[in-house]
Protein backbone atom coordinates (compact mmCIF):
# COMPACT_ATOMS: atom_id res chain seq x y z
CA MET A 1 -53.89 -49.78 -159.58
CA ASP A 2 -50.57 -47.75 -159.54
CA GLU A 3 -49.37 -46.53 -162.91
CA GLN A 4 -46.01 -48.38 -162.84
CA THR A 5 -47.54 -51.78 -162.17
CA ALA A 6 -50.38 -51.01 -164.76
CA ARG A 7 -47.85 -50.12 -167.43
CA ARG A 8 -45.72 -53.42 -166.75
CA ASP A 9 -48.74 -55.62 -166.86
CA LEU A 10 -50.24 -54.02 -169.90
CA LEU A 11 -47.16 -54.75 -171.87
CA ARG A 12 -46.78 -58.28 -170.70
CA ILE A 13 -50.43 -59.01 -171.48
CA CYS A 14 -50.09 -57.51 -175.03
CA HIS A 15 -47.07 -59.69 -175.62
CA LEU A 16 -48.91 -62.76 -174.35
CA MET A 17 -51.84 -62.04 -176.54
CA TYR A 18 -49.59 -61.99 -179.64
CA GLU A 19 -47.55 -64.94 -178.62
CA ARG A 20 -50.71 -67.04 -178.24
CA SER A 21 -52.09 -65.92 -181.60
CA TYR A 22 -55.09 -64.13 -179.90
CA VAL A 23 -54.07 -61.13 -182.08
CA VAL A 24 -52.01 -60.72 -185.31
CA SER A 25 -50.67 -57.51 -186.92
CA SER A 26 -52.34 -54.59 -185.20
CA ASP A 27 -55.48 -56.45 -184.10
CA GLY A 28 -56.95 -56.14 -180.56
CA ASN A 29 -56.59 -53.61 -177.84
CA VAL A 30 -56.03 -53.52 -174.13
CA SER A 31 -56.81 -50.95 -171.45
CA VAL A 32 -56.56 -50.48 -167.72
CA GLN A 33 -58.05 -47.77 -165.43
CA LEU A 34 -55.66 -46.27 -162.87
CA ASP A 35 -56.71 -45.29 -159.40
CA ASP A 36 -56.99 -41.59 -160.30
CA GLY A 37 -59.46 -42.42 -163.14
CA ARG A 38 -57.00 -42.20 -166.05
CA ILE A 39 -56.97 -44.85 -168.70
CA LEU A 40 -53.83 -46.58 -170.13
CA ALA A 41 -54.61 -48.05 -173.44
CA THR A 42 -52.82 -49.55 -176.51
CA PRO A 43 -52.43 -47.13 -179.33
CA THR A 44 -53.97 -47.42 -182.75
CA MET A 45 -52.23 -49.45 -185.50
CA THR A 46 -49.64 -51.12 -183.42
CA CYS A 47 -48.72 -54.75 -183.22
CA LYS A 48 -49.17 -56.07 -179.62
CA GLY A 49 -46.14 -58.16 -180.05
CA ARG A 50 -44.00 -55.12 -180.62
CA MET A 51 -45.63 -52.87 -177.83
CA THR A 52 -43.23 -50.81 -175.77
CA GLU A 53 -43.85 -48.60 -172.82
CA ASP A 54 -43.42 -45.32 -174.80
CA LEU A 55 -46.26 -46.19 -177.08
CA ILE A 56 -48.91 -46.54 -174.26
CA ALA A 57 -51.72 -43.99 -174.85
CA ILE A 58 -53.36 -42.10 -171.79
CA THR A 59 -56.76 -40.73 -171.85
CA ASP A 60 -59.59 -39.53 -169.50
CA LEU A 61 -62.91 -41.46 -168.99
CA ASP A 62 -64.33 -39.46 -171.87
CA GLY A 63 -61.58 -40.73 -174.14
CA ARG A 64 -59.70 -37.35 -174.42
CA SER A 65 -55.99 -37.87 -175.00
CA LEU A 66 -53.73 -36.83 -172.24
CA ASN A 67 -50.37 -37.55 -173.90
CA ASN A 68 -49.03 -37.69 -177.54
CA GLN A 69 -50.21 -41.10 -178.29
CA ARG A 70 -53.45 -41.74 -180.09
CA ALA A 71 -55.47 -44.53 -178.38
CA SER A 72 -57.02 -47.43 -180.16
CA SER A 73 -60.09 -46.42 -182.33
CA GLU A 74 -62.00 -49.04 -180.39
CA LEU A 75 -61.53 -47.31 -177.05
CA ALA A 76 -65.20 -46.51 -177.00
CA MET A 77 -65.97 -50.12 -176.40
CA HIS A 78 -63.63 -50.12 -173.29
CA LEU A 79 -65.21 -46.91 -171.98
CA LEU A 80 -68.76 -48.35 -172.31
CA ILE A 81 -67.61 -51.38 -170.20
CA TYR A 82 -66.06 -49.05 -167.56
CA ARG A 83 -69.22 -46.91 -167.37
CA GLU A 84 -71.52 -49.98 -167.13
CA ARG A 85 -69.43 -51.98 -164.64
CA PRO A 86 -67.73 -49.89 -161.82
CA ASP A 87 -66.08 -53.06 -160.55
CA VAL A 88 -64.23 -53.54 -163.84
CA LYS A 89 -60.71 -51.83 -164.06
CA ALA A 90 -59.19 -53.61 -167.21
CA VAL A 91 -60.42 -54.80 -170.62
CA CYS A 92 -58.84 -57.08 -173.22
CA HIS A 93 -60.19 -57.34 -176.70
CA ALA A 94 -58.75 -59.88 -179.23
CA HIS A 95 -59.52 -62.23 -182.08
CA PRO A 96 -58.72 -65.68 -180.53
CA PRO A 97 -59.22 -68.22 -183.33
CA HIS A 98 -61.72 -70.72 -181.67
CA GLY A 99 -63.67 -68.08 -179.84
CA THR A 100 -63.82 -65.97 -182.97
CA ALA A 101 -64.94 -69.05 -184.95
CA PHE A 102 -67.95 -69.12 -182.76
CA ALA A 103 -68.60 -65.34 -183.29
CA VAL A 104 -68.44 -65.66 -187.04
CA ALA A 105 -70.60 -68.76 -186.99
CA GLY A 106 -73.20 -66.86 -185.13
CA LEU A 107 -72.95 -68.90 -181.94
CA ALA A 108 -72.66 -67.94 -178.21
CA ILE A 109 -70.60 -69.93 -175.77
CA ASP A 110 -73.58 -70.48 -173.40
CA GLN A 111 -73.79 -74.26 -172.96
CA PRO A 112 -72.92 -75.65 -169.62
CA ILE A 113 -70.33 -78.25 -170.46
CA LEU A 114 -67.39 -77.27 -168.15
CA SER A 115 -67.69 -76.86 -164.49
CA GLU A 116 -64.69 -74.54 -164.20
CA VAL A 117 -66.17 -72.16 -166.76
CA ILE A 118 -69.46 -71.97 -164.82
CA LEU A 119 -67.47 -71.20 -161.59
CA THR A 120 -65.10 -68.52 -162.96
CA LEU A 121 -66.52 -66.99 -166.22
CA GLY A 122 -70.10 -67.66 -166.77
CA CYS A 123 -71.92 -67.57 -170.09
CA VAL A 124 -70.42 -65.78 -172.97
CA PRO A 125 -73.23 -64.30 -175.13
CA LEU A 126 -73.05 -63.16 -178.65
CA ALA A 127 -73.59 -59.34 -179.32
CA GLU A 128 -75.14 -58.55 -182.71
CA TYR A 129 -72.75 -57.20 -185.41
CA GLY A 130 -71.72 -53.50 -185.15
CA THR A 131 -69.14 -51.67 -187.26
CA PRO A 132 -65.97 -51.64 -185.34
CA SER A 133 -64.94 -48.27 -183.86
CA THR A 134 -68.41 -46.90 -184.18
CA ASP A 135 -71.32 -46.52 -181.85
CA GLU A 136 -72.98 -49.49 -183.55
CA LEU A 137 -70.57 -51.79 -181.64
CA SER A 138 -70.91 -50.39 -178.26
CA ASP A 139 -74.81 -50.11 -178.72
CA ALA A 140 -74.88 -53.87 -179.56
CA MET A 141 -72.73 -54.67 -176.56
CA ARG A 142 -74.51 -52.41 -174.08
CA PRO A 143 -77.46 -54.83 -173.04
CA LEU A 144 -75.07 -57.66 -172.30
CA VAL A 145 -72.16 -55.96 -170.39
CA LYS A 146 -73.69 -55.61 -167.04
CA HIS A 147 -74.18 -59.38 -166.24
CA HIS A 148 -71.52 -60.99 -168.16
CA ASN A 149 -67.65 -61.05 -167.87
CA ALA A 150 -66.84 -61.69 -171.65
CA LEU A 151 -68.70 -61.18 -174.77
CA LEU A 152 -68.42 -62.45 -178.42
CA MET A 153 -68.94 -59.90 -181.09
CA ALA A 154 -70.62 -61.21 -184.30
CA ASN A 155 -68.12 -61.40 -187.24
CA HIS A 156 -65.57 -59.53 -185.12
CA GLY A 157 -63.97 -61.21 -182.02
CA ALA A 158 -64.05 -61.41 -178.20
CA VAL A 159 -63.76 -58.99 -175.28
CA ALA A 160 -63.13 -59.86 -171.59
CA TYR A 161 -62.86 -57.64 -168.62
CA GLY A 162 -62.16 -57.89 -164.83
CA SER A 163 -61.04 -56.15 -161.76
CA ASP A 164 -57.36 -56.02 -163.06
CA LEU A 165 -55.49 -56.79 -166.19
CA TRP A 166 -54.67 -60.38 -165.23
CA GLN A 167 -58.31 -61.28 -164.41
CA ALA A 168 -59.28 -59.76 -167.76
CA PHE A 169 -56.65 -61.78 -169.60
CA ASP A 170 -57.49 -65.00 -167.67
CA ARG A 171 -61.18 -64.65 -168.67
CA LEU A 172 -60.12 -64.07 -172.26
CA GLU A 173 -57.92 -67.20 -172.07
CA THR A 174 -60.75 -69.28 -170.49
CA LEU A 175 -63.19 -68.08 -173.34
CA GLU A 176 -60.65 -69.35 -176.02
CA HIS A 177 -59.97 -72.65 -174.13
CA THR A 178 -63.67 -73.35 -173.78
CA ALA A 179 -64.38 -72.63 -177.37
CA LYS A 180 -61.59 -74.99 -178.55
CA ILE A 181 -62.90 -77.74 -176.20
CA ALA A 182 -66.45 -77.28 -177.54
CA ILE A 183 -65.30 -77.57 -181.21
CA LEU A 184 -63.31 -80.68 -180.49
CA ALA A 185 -66.25 -82.18 -178.58
CA ARG A 186 -68.49 -81.67 -181.67
CA VAL A 187 -65.89 -83.52 -183.87
CA LEU A 188 -66.17 -86.51 -181.37
CA GLY A 189 -70.10 -86.48 -181.64
CA GLY A 190 -71.06 -83.65 -179.37
CA SER A 191 -70.86 -82.61 -175.82
CA ARG A 192 -72.99 -83.52 -172.80
CA ASN A 193 -74.33 -80.62 -170.77
CA LEU A 194 -74.19 -80.67 -167.05
CA SER A 195 -77.44 -81.37 -165.23
CA PRO A 196 -79.55 -78.45 -163.73
CA GLU A 197 -78.77 -79.84 -160.31
CA ALA A 198 -75.07 -79.72 -161.02
CA ILE A 199 -75.35 -76.24 -162.44
CA GLU A 200 -77.17 -74.96 -159.37
CA LYS A 201 -74.54 -76.53 -157.13
CA LEU A 202 -71.72 -74.81 -159.03
CA ILE A 203 -73.48 -71.33 -158.99
CA ASN A 204 -73.90 -71.65 -155.19
CA VAL A 205 -70.19 -72.61 -154.94
CA ARG A 206 -69.03 -69.63 -157.06
CA GLU A 207 -71.12 -67.24 -155.11
CA SER A 208 -69.83 -68.60 -151.69
CA ALA A 209 -66.17 -68.52 -152.97
CA GLY A 210 -66.55 -65.01 -154.53
CA TYR A 211 -65.73 -65.96 -158.03
CA LEU A 212 -68.94 -64.39 -159.26
CA ASP A 213 -71.71 -62.54 -157.32
CA GLN A 214 -75.40 -62.76 -157.63
CA GLY A 215 -75.47 -60.24 -160.44
CA ALA A 216 -74.26 -63.04 -162.72
CA ARG A 217 -77.69 -64.86 -162.16
CA CYS A 218 -79.27 -62.38 -164.67
CA GLN A 219 -77.27 -63.89 -167.52
CA ALA A 220 -79.37 -64.07 -170.60
CA CYS A 221 -78.37 -67.65 -171.46
CA GLY A 222 -79.22 -71.26 -170.66
CA TYR A 223 -77.42 -71.74 -167.44
CA LEU A 224 -80.17 -70.65 -165.16
CA HIS A 225 -83.21 -71.34 -167.11
CA GLU A 226 -83.03 -74.98 -166.23
CA THR A 227 -82.53 -74.41 -162.50
CA ASN A 228 -84.49 -73.07 -159.58
CA LEU A 229 -82.21 -70.24 -158.99
CA ALA A 230 -83.80 -66.83 -159.31
CA CYS A 231 -82.17 -63.56 -160.34
CA PRO A 232 -81.58 -61.35 -157.34
CA THR A 233 -83.41 -58.47 -158.89
CA GLY A 234 -86.50 -60.47 -159.23
CA ASP A 235 -86.36 -60.40 -163.08
CA ARG A 236 -84.93 -62.97 -165.28
CA PRO A 237 -84.31 -61.79 -168.90
CA SER A 238 -85.49 -63.84 -171.78
CA ARG A 239 -83.18 -66.01 -173.61
CA SER A 240 -81.04 -63.96 -175.96
CA SER A 241 -82.23 -63.85 -179.53
CA SER A 242 -78.67 -64.49 -180.59
CA SER A 243 -78.09 -68.01 -182.00
CA SER A 244 -76.48 -70.48 -179.52
CA ALA A 245 -75.07 -73.92 -179.81
CA ASN A 246 -78.24 -75.66 -179.18
CA GLY A 247 -80.77 -72.89 -179.80
CA SER A 248 -83.12 -72.10 -182.63
CA GLY A 249 -80.31 -70.81 -184.66
CA LYS A 250 -78.38 -74.15 -184.57
CA ILE A 251 -75.90 -74.50 -187.35
CA SER A 252 -75.11 -78.05 -188.70
CA LEU A 253 -71.67 -78.90 -189.89
CA THR A 254 -70.41 -82.09 -191.34
CA ARG A 255 -67.44 -83.99 -189.82
CA GLU A 256 -65.23 -82.91 -192.67
CA GLU A 257 -66.17 -79.20 -192.22
CA LEU A 258 -65.37 -79.36 -188.49
CA ILE A 259 -61.97 -80.97 -189.27
CA GLU A 260 -61.23 -78.22 -191.88
CA LEU A 261 -62.22 -75.50 -189.18
CA LEU A 262 -59.81 -77.11 -186.78
CA ALA A 263 -57.12 -77.23 -189.37
CA GLN A 264 -57.57 -73.61 -190.37
CA ALA A 265 -57.38 -72.55 -186.65
CA ALA A 266 -54.22 -74.55 -186.25
CA ARG A 267 -52.61 -72.93 -189.29
CA GLU A 268 -53.47 -69.53 -187.99
């Protein structure tokens, strides 16, 4: 991506994240890798709603500063994703209310309830808690990055990434929208998962259409464990030990608690 386009898109996405309440105050961070390998990133302690072009930090792939702006203290998370996923050129980290509600409840977004999510995003696993801005966080994320396009971070937030800034943002938006629908479905009595046959058809469609490649079949979640599709590497990882909506770590909420959760998210 050329620098001028990257700068314009980074600013627009920062403003959108703030306008949609995916971040408040100085929360979150965004980065994009240029064609020459340099990284444009949001600076530390800056509100994304007030981002301007002169505030953009520039670093190399080792995180060393190349201008007079200090990049976000969570840049290490972004650099890990770039190292693990050569196809990724942009990363968006935020605290969207509904997705983050899953993260603080210890739940992954890994139940096959929406066909569009299976087609374009895949499962969103939950990484174990790690202190932000330290190696603890990137170490917790490392096992999950390679085969997923978005992650939840326990008691922290969400991160999504893609081939450009808009794909990364779209995946973050899909994550948040899915979490909101899942919470509302629980208020109405619970969601109905798609059948294994339907999941298999959707995965075949997404690979044929180029939405996700066969590497996504290695997702450590429930999507493929009920189908006949095999991981292209010949290995299928065991189901993540992190709690999921219907897993062994199931959390029960009363109707009143769910309504209060929705009310809090709306107020935020």
